[in-house]
Amino acid sequence: MKVLITGGTGLIGTRLAEMLIDSGYEVALLSREPAKSSHFRSFRWAPQAGTIDEAAIPYADYIVSLAGASVADGKWTDERKREIMASRLGGLALLARELAKPGHHVQAVISASAVGIYGDAGDKLVTEETPPALPTNDFLADVSNQWELAAAPIAALGIRTVIPRIGVVLSTEGGALPQIARPVKLGAGAALGSGKQYMSWIHLDDLCRLFIAMLEDPTWRGTYNAVAPYPATNQAFTEVLAEVLHRPLILPKVPAFGLKLAMGEMSEVVLASQNVSAAKVLAQGFTYEYPELRGALEALYGEE
């Protein structure tokens, strides 16, 4: 079976491609610069220009859409926000246009989304039935909502479409964890803001295993929270991380106003509280390798 990945050179796509190959799949990437992703067959596309190699979609049995500029790189200037939004919507619009044409055999599309769709939900446990946050002044909620709406035309074609709402992905190779761990390793770790805000996380390998389950089992359809079953408050996360790294936590909490000064609007990434339920994924029979935070962090950091 052949899987075509957009955003395949990012943190999730890189690991997913490795795990798909190990599971016996063939993998190809859709890339704006195919030469840079030489491990795999690559097809060129340019979502902004609306162009795509005409052999790309007919190649695929499955498509995994991960393309999107990182929300964690640099301050959210107006230009950066436009890039974050356009990089998600343009690719999906192009895929929907090509999938509407005859001559392909795509059985399913996994289209990434994020738990940011729930906004700052406080302590309330949110499920896939929880309505998206009204995106009046919440950029991440707006991005996630638009991202999901952009996948709707693919589902409307009758192609099985699965939308994982991804939490904080734990990996030492990139994403949020190295940034959270850096001050802890230096002995300057501290909870952020009140420390009471919930972080809904998932180990990178569990996320990729979840994606493969979504491809292989046709009963997966619609939205699922791609998070581990036990979210942690920021305070608890920081404490467990410090214990795993054998570092003390001596500083008081980093005040929210300080984070807002330093990060601007992007501070909502670390200050928003999302206590996200994994019940629907568990009900599908998925088994997590790393359901609990300590085990996930110990697997990543070993005997540091």
Protein backbone atom coordinates (compact mmCIF):
# COMPACT_ATOMS: atom_id res chain seq x y z
CA MET A 1 0.00 0.00 0.00
CA LYS A 2 1.29 3.44 -0.94
CA VAL A 3 1.06 6.43 1.39
CA LEU A 4 1.57 9.99 0.15
CA ILE A 5 2.53 12.47 2.90
CA THR A 6 2.34 16.26 2.77
CA GLY A 7 4.54 17.97 5.34
CA GLY A 8 6.62 14.80 5.33
CA THR A 9 9.89 16.48 6.28
CA GLY A 10 8.51 17.90 9.54
CA LEU A 11 8.76 16.30 12.99
CA ILE A 12 5.67 14.09 12.67
CA GLY A 13 6.04 13.32 8.97
CA THR A 14 9.66 12.19 9.30
CA ARG A 15 8.88 9.69 12.06
CA LEU A 16 5.63 8.55 10.44
CA ALA A 17 7.44 7.78 7.17
CA GLU A 18 10.00 5.65 9.05
CA MET A 19 7.28 3.73 10.90
CA LEU A 20 5.22 3.19 7.74
CA ILE A 21 8.26 1.73 5.96
CA ASP A 22 8.87 -0.56 8.97
CA SER A 23 5.22 -1.67 8.70
CA GLY A 24 5.62 -2.62 5.04
CA TYR A 25 4.16 0.44 3.31
CA GLU A 26 5.64 2.38 0.43
CA VAL A 27 5.98 6.10 1.15
CA ALA A 28 6.27 9.16 -1.07
CA LEU A 29 6.29 12.83 -0.15
CA LEU A 30 4.66 15.89 -1.65
CA SER A 31 7.31 18.58 -1.38
CA ARG A 32 7.95 22.09 -2.62
CA GLU A 33 11.64 21.16 -2.93
CA PRO A 34 11.80 17.44 -3.77
CA ALA A 35 15.61 17.26 -3.84
CA LYS A 36 15.74 17.95 -0.09
CA SER A 37 13.76 14.83 0.81
CA SER A 38 15.95 12.32 -0.99
CA HIS A 39 15.20 9.27 1.22
CA PHE A 40 11.81 8.87 -0.40
CA ARG A 41 10.23 9.31 -3.77
CA SER A 42 9.05 12.90 -3.97
CA PHE A 43 6.48 14.72 -6.07
CA ARG A 44 6.68 18.46 -6.48
CA TRP A 45 3.78 20.69 -5.54
CA ALA A 46 3.30 24.41 -4.96
CA PRO A 47 0.07 24.95 -3.02
CA GLN A 48 0.32 28.76 -3.21
CA ALA A 49 0.51 28.54 -7.00
CA GLY A 50 -2.02 25.69 -7.19
CA THR A 51 0.33 23.33 -9.07
CA ILE A 52 1.06 19.66 -8.41
CA ASP A 53 2.86 16.82 -10.21
CA GLU A 54 0.06 15.05 -12.05
CA ALA A 55 1.49 11.64 -11.08
CA ALA A 56 1.20 12.35 -7.32
CA ILE A 57 -2.45 11.59 -6.52
CA PRO A 58 -2.68 8.52 -8.84
CA TYR A 59 0.32 7.07 -6.94
CA ALA A 60 -1.46 6.96 -3.59
CA ASP A 61 -3.68 4.50 -1.78
CA TYR A 62 -3.70 6.82 1.25
CA ILE A 63 -2.85 10.46 1.85
CA VAL A 64 -1.67 11.96 5.15
CA SER A 65 -1.91 15.76 5.16
CA LEU A 66 0.43 17.32 7.73
CA ALA A 67 1.57 20.40 5.79
CA GLY A 68 1.52 23.66 7.74
CA ALA A 69 3.97 26.27 8.99
CA SER A 70 4.92 25.76 12.65
CA VAL A 71 2.98 27.85 15.17
CA ALA A 72 5.97 27.73 17.55
CA ASP A 73 8.61 29.40 15.37
CA GLY A 74 8.88 33.11 16.04
CA LYS A 75 6.39 35.74 17.14
CA TRP A 76 2.98 35.91 15.52
CA THR A 77 3.32 38.97 13.33
CA ASP A 78 0.43 39.57 10.93
CA GLU A 79 2.58 38.18 8.14
CA ARG A 80 3.47 35.07 10.15
CA LYS A 81 -0.19 34.48 10.98
CA ARG A 82 -1.11 34.67 7.30
CA GLU A 83 1.62 32.12 6.52
CA ILE A 84 0.44 29.75 9.28
CA MET A 85 -3.13 29.89 7.95
CA ALA A 86 -2.37 29.82 4.20
CA SER A 87 0.12 26.95 4.50
CA ARG A 88 -2.66 24.72 5.88
CA LEU A 89 -5.58 25.79 3.73
CA GLY A 90 -3.77 26.01 0.38
CA GLY A 91 -2.55 22.42 0.47
CA LEU A 92 -5.95 20.99 1.37
CA ALA A 93 -7.68 23.03 -1.34
CA LEU A 94 -5.23 21.62 -3.89
CA LEU A 95 -5.72 18.05 -2.65
CA ALA A 96 -9.51 18.43 -2.77
CA ARG A 97 -9.31 19.76 -6.35
CA GLU A 98 -7.15 16.81 -7.48
CA LEU A 99 -9.17 14.18 -5.60
CA ALA A 100 -12.33 15.39 -7.36
CA LYS A 101 -10.79 14.22 -10.65
CA PRO A 102 -11.23 10.62 -11.85
CA GLY A 103 -8.34 8.20 -12.22
CA HIS A 104 -7.11 7.77 -8.66
CA HIS A 105 -7.62 5.05 -6.04
CA VAL A 106 -7.23 6.97 -2.77
CA GLN A 107 -9.06 5.05 -0.04
CA ALA A 108 -8.63 7.44 2.87
CA VAL A 109 -7.20 10.83 3.80
CA ILE A 110 -5.88 11.73 7.25
CA SER A 111 -5.99 15.50 7.63
CA ALA A 112 -4.26 16.90 10.71
CA SER A 113 -5.87 19.38 13.09
CA ALA A 114 -5.02 20.47 16.63
CA VAL A 115 -6.53 20.58 20.12
CA GLY A 116 -6.22 24.36 19.79
CA ILE A 117 -9.71 24.17 18.28
CA TYR A 118 -11.11 24.03 21.85
CA GLY A 119 -9.53 27.35 22.84
CA ASP A 120 -8.74 28.00 26.50
CA ALA A 121 -11.21 25.57 28.11
CA GLY A 122 -9.97 25.77 31.71
CA ASP A 123 -10.52 22.59 33.76
CA LYS A 124 -13.46 21.38 31.67
CA LEU A 125 -12.90 17.99 30.02
CA VAL A 126 -13.42 18.50 26.28
CA THR A 127 -14.43 15.78 23.82
CA GLU A 128 -14.88 15.60 20.06
CA GLU A 129 -18.49 16.69 20.68
CA THR A 130 -17.37 19.95 22.33
CA PRO A 131 -18.05 22.81 19.90
CA PRO A 132 -14.98 24.67 18.58
CA ALA A 133 -14.07 27.82 20.51
CA LEU A 134 -15.45 30.96 18.94
CA PRO A 135 -12.33 32.30 17.25
CA THR A 136 -13.04 35.97 17.93
CA ASN A 137 -9.66 36.60 19.54
CA ASP A 138 -8.14 33.11 19.66
CA PHE A 139 -5.83 32.61 16.69
CA LEU A 140 -5.11 28.92 17.35
CA ALA A 141 -8.81 28.09 17.60
CA ASP A 142 -9.41 29.97 14.35
CA VAL A 143 -6.55 28.17 12.55
CA SER A 144 -7.71 24.72 13.74
CA ASN A 145 -11.33 25.44 12.83
CA GLN A 146 -10.45 26.66 9.32
CA TRP A 147 -8.08 23.70 8.91
CA GLU A 148 -10.91 21.24 9.59
CA LEU A 149 -13.35 23.10 7.36
CA ALA A 150 -10.79 22.90 4.53
CA ALA A 151 -10.87 19.09 4.77
CA ALA A 152 -14.68 18.96 4.42
CA PRO A 153 -14.68 19.04 0.59
CA ILE A 154 -12.56 15.85 0.59
CA ALA A 155 -15.06 14.05 2.84
CA ALA A 156 -17.86 15.37 0.60
CA LEU A 157 -16.30 13.43 -2.31
CA GLY A 158 -17.10 10.23 -0.40
CA ILE A 159 -13.47 9.56 0.51
CA ARG A 160 -13.04 8.33 4.11
CA THR A 161 -11.58 11.30 5.96
CA VAL A 162 -10.07 11.15 9.45
CA ILE A 163 -9.17 14.30 11.38
CA PRO A 164 -6.83 13.79 14.35
CA ARG A 165 -6.82 16.79 16.70
CA ILE A 166 -3.20 16.65 17.80
CA GLY A 167 -2.04 17.68 21.27
CA VAL A 168 1.49 18.64 22.38
CA VAL A 169 3.71 16.09 20.61
CA LEU A 170 6.53 14.82 22.82
CA SER A 171 9.84 14.25 21.06
CA THR A 172 13.44 15.24 21.76
CA GLU A 173 13.87 15.95 18.02
CA GLY A 174 11.68 19.05 17.89
CA GLY A 175 8.33 20.57 18.83
CA ALA A 176 7.62 21.98 22.28
CA LEU A 177 9.46 19.53 24.55
CA PRO A 178 13.08 20.64 23.92
CA GLN A 179 12.00 24.24 24.54
CA ILE A 180 10.28 23.27 27.80
CA ALA A 181 13.22 21.06 28.87
CA ARG A 182 16.01 23.58 28.17
CA PRO A 183 15.51 25.76 31.27
CA VAL A 184 14.84 22.66 33.42
CA LYS A 185 18.17 21.14 32.32
CA LEU A 186 19.89 24.39 33.28
CA GLY A 187 18.32 24.25 36.74
CA ALA A 188 16.07 27.19 35.91
CA GLY A 189 12.83 25.31 35.27
CA ALA A 190 9.52 26.73 36.43
CA ALA A 191 5.83 26.28 35.80
CA LEU A 192 4.37 28.80 33.36
CA GLY A 193 1.59 31.22 34.29
CA SER A 194 -0.64 29.77 37.03
CA GLY A 195 0.73 26.27 36.35
CA LYS A 196 -2.86 25.02 36.60
CA GLN A 197 -3.48 25.01 32.85
CA TYR A 198 -3.82 21.54 31.34
CA MET A 199 -1.44 20.26 28.68
CA SER A 200 -2.82 17.45 26.55
CA TRP A 201 0.19 15.63 25.18
CA ILE A 202 1.07 12.52 23.16
CA HIS A 203 4.38 10.69 22.56
CA LEU A 204 5.45 11.02 18.91
CA ASP A 205 5.56 7.24 18.40
CA ASP A 206 2.03 6.80 19.79
CA LEU A 207 0.80 9.53 17.44
CA CYS A 208 2.36 7.77 14.43
CA ARG A 209 0.95 4.40 15.54
CA LEU A 210 -2.43 6.08 15.85
CA PHE A 211 -2.15 7.41 12.28
CA ILE A 212 -1.32 3.91 11.01
CA ALA A 213 -4.34 2.49 12.86
CA MET A 214 -6.50 5.18 11.22
CA LEU A 215 -5.21 4.15 7.78
CA GLU A 216 -5.62 0.41 8.30
CA ASP A 217 -9.04 0.25 9.94
CA PRO A 218 -11.90 1.65 7.85
CA THR A 219 -14.09 2.20 10.93
CA TRP A 220 -12.03 5.32 11.78
CA ARG A 221 -13.86 8.31 10.34
CA GLY A 222 -14.31 11.95 11.38
CA THR A 223 -12.62 13.71 14.29
CA TYR A 224 -10.54 12.11 17.07
CA ASN A 225 -8.51 13.68 19.86
CA ALA A 226 -4.93 12.55 19.23
CA VAL A 227 -3.80 12.85 22.85
CA ALA A 228 -2.69 10.47 25.60
CA PRO A 229 -5.35 9.47 28.18
CA TYR A 230 -3.80 11.39 31.09
CA PRO A 231 -3.32 15.13 30.48
CA ALA A 232 -1.12 16.96 33.00
CA THR A 233 -1.24 20.45 34.40
CA ASN A 234 1.72 22.62 33.42
CA GLN A 235 2.92 22.45 37.05
CA ALA A 236 2.74 18.64 37.14
CA PHE A 237 4.36 18.35 33.70
CA THR A 238 7.26 20.56 34.79
CA GLU A 239 7.71 18.63 38.06
CA VAL A 240 7.75 15.20 36.37
CA LEU A 241 10.14 16.47 33.69
CA ALA A 242 12.50 17.83 36.38
CA GLU A 243 12.42 14.47 38.20
CA VAL A 244 13.14 12.53 35.00
CA LEU A 245 16.03 14.90 34.20
CA HIS A 246 17.23 14.77 37.86
CA ARG A 247 17.12 18.55 38.17
CA PRO A 248 15.72 20.67 41.00
CA LEU A 249 12.86 23.13 40.51
CA ILE A 250 13.80 26.16 42.54
CA LEU A 251 12.27 29.09 40.72
CA PRO A 252 8.79 30.46 41.31
CA LYS A 253 6.30 30.27 38.48
CA VAL A 254 6.97 32.38 35.38
CA PRO A 255 4.21 35.01 35.50
CA ALA A 256 1.71 35.14 32.64
CA PHE A 257 2.33 38.84 32.00
CA GLY A 258 6.06 38.12 31.54
CA LEU A 259 5.31 35.42 28.98
CA LYS A 260 2.95 37.75 27.13
CA LEU A 261 5.66 40.41 27.03
CA ALA A 262 8.24 37.93 25.74
CA MET A 263 6.10 35.90 23.35
CA GLY A 264 3.24 38.22 22.46
CA GLU A 265 0.07 36.50 21.30
CA MET A 266 2.01 33.23 20.86
CA SER A 267 1.96 32.89 24.67
CA GLU A 268 -1.51 31.36 24.28
CA VAL A 269 0.30 28.18 23.12
CA VAL A 270 1.58 27.65 26.68
CA LEU A 271 -1.02 29.52 28.72
CA ALA A 272 -4.25 28.08 27.28
CA SER A 273 -5.70 25.15 29.24
CA GLN A 274 -6.91 22.10 27.31
CA ASN A 275 -8.03 19.06 29.28
CA VAL A 276 -8.74 16.82 26.30
CA SER A 277 -10.43 13.40 26.45
CA ALA A 278 -8.92 10.37 24.70
CA ALA A 279 -12.04 8.24 25.34
CA LYS A 280 -13.11 8.07 21.69
CA VAL A 281 -9.67 6.81 20.57
CA LEU A 282 -9.65 4.24 23.41
CA ALA A 283 -13.16 3.12 22.42
CA GLN A 284 -11.82 2.36 18.93
CA GLY A 285 -9.50 -0.18 20.57
CA PHE A 286 -6.26 1.76 20.25
CA THR A 287 -3.61 0.85 22.84
CA TYR A 288 -1.10 3.49 23.90
CA GLU A 289 2.50 2.50 24.44
CA TYR A 290 2.96 5.63 26.59
CA PRO A 291 -0.36 6.44 28.30
CA GLU A 292 1.31 8.16 31.28
CA LEU A 293 3.61 11.17 31.26
CA ARG A 294 6.45 9.75 33.37
CA GLY A 295 6.81 6.69 31.14
CA ALA A 296 6.75 8.85 28.00
CA LEU A 297 9.43 11.22 29.32
CA GLU A 298 11.60 8.38 30.65
CA ALA A 299 11.45 6.71 27.23
CA LEU A 300 12.57 9.96 25.59
CA TYR A 301 15.28 10.97 28.03
CA GLY A 302 16.46 7.55 29.19
CA GLU A 303 19.13 7.80 31.83
CA GLU A 304 20.02 11.48 31.48
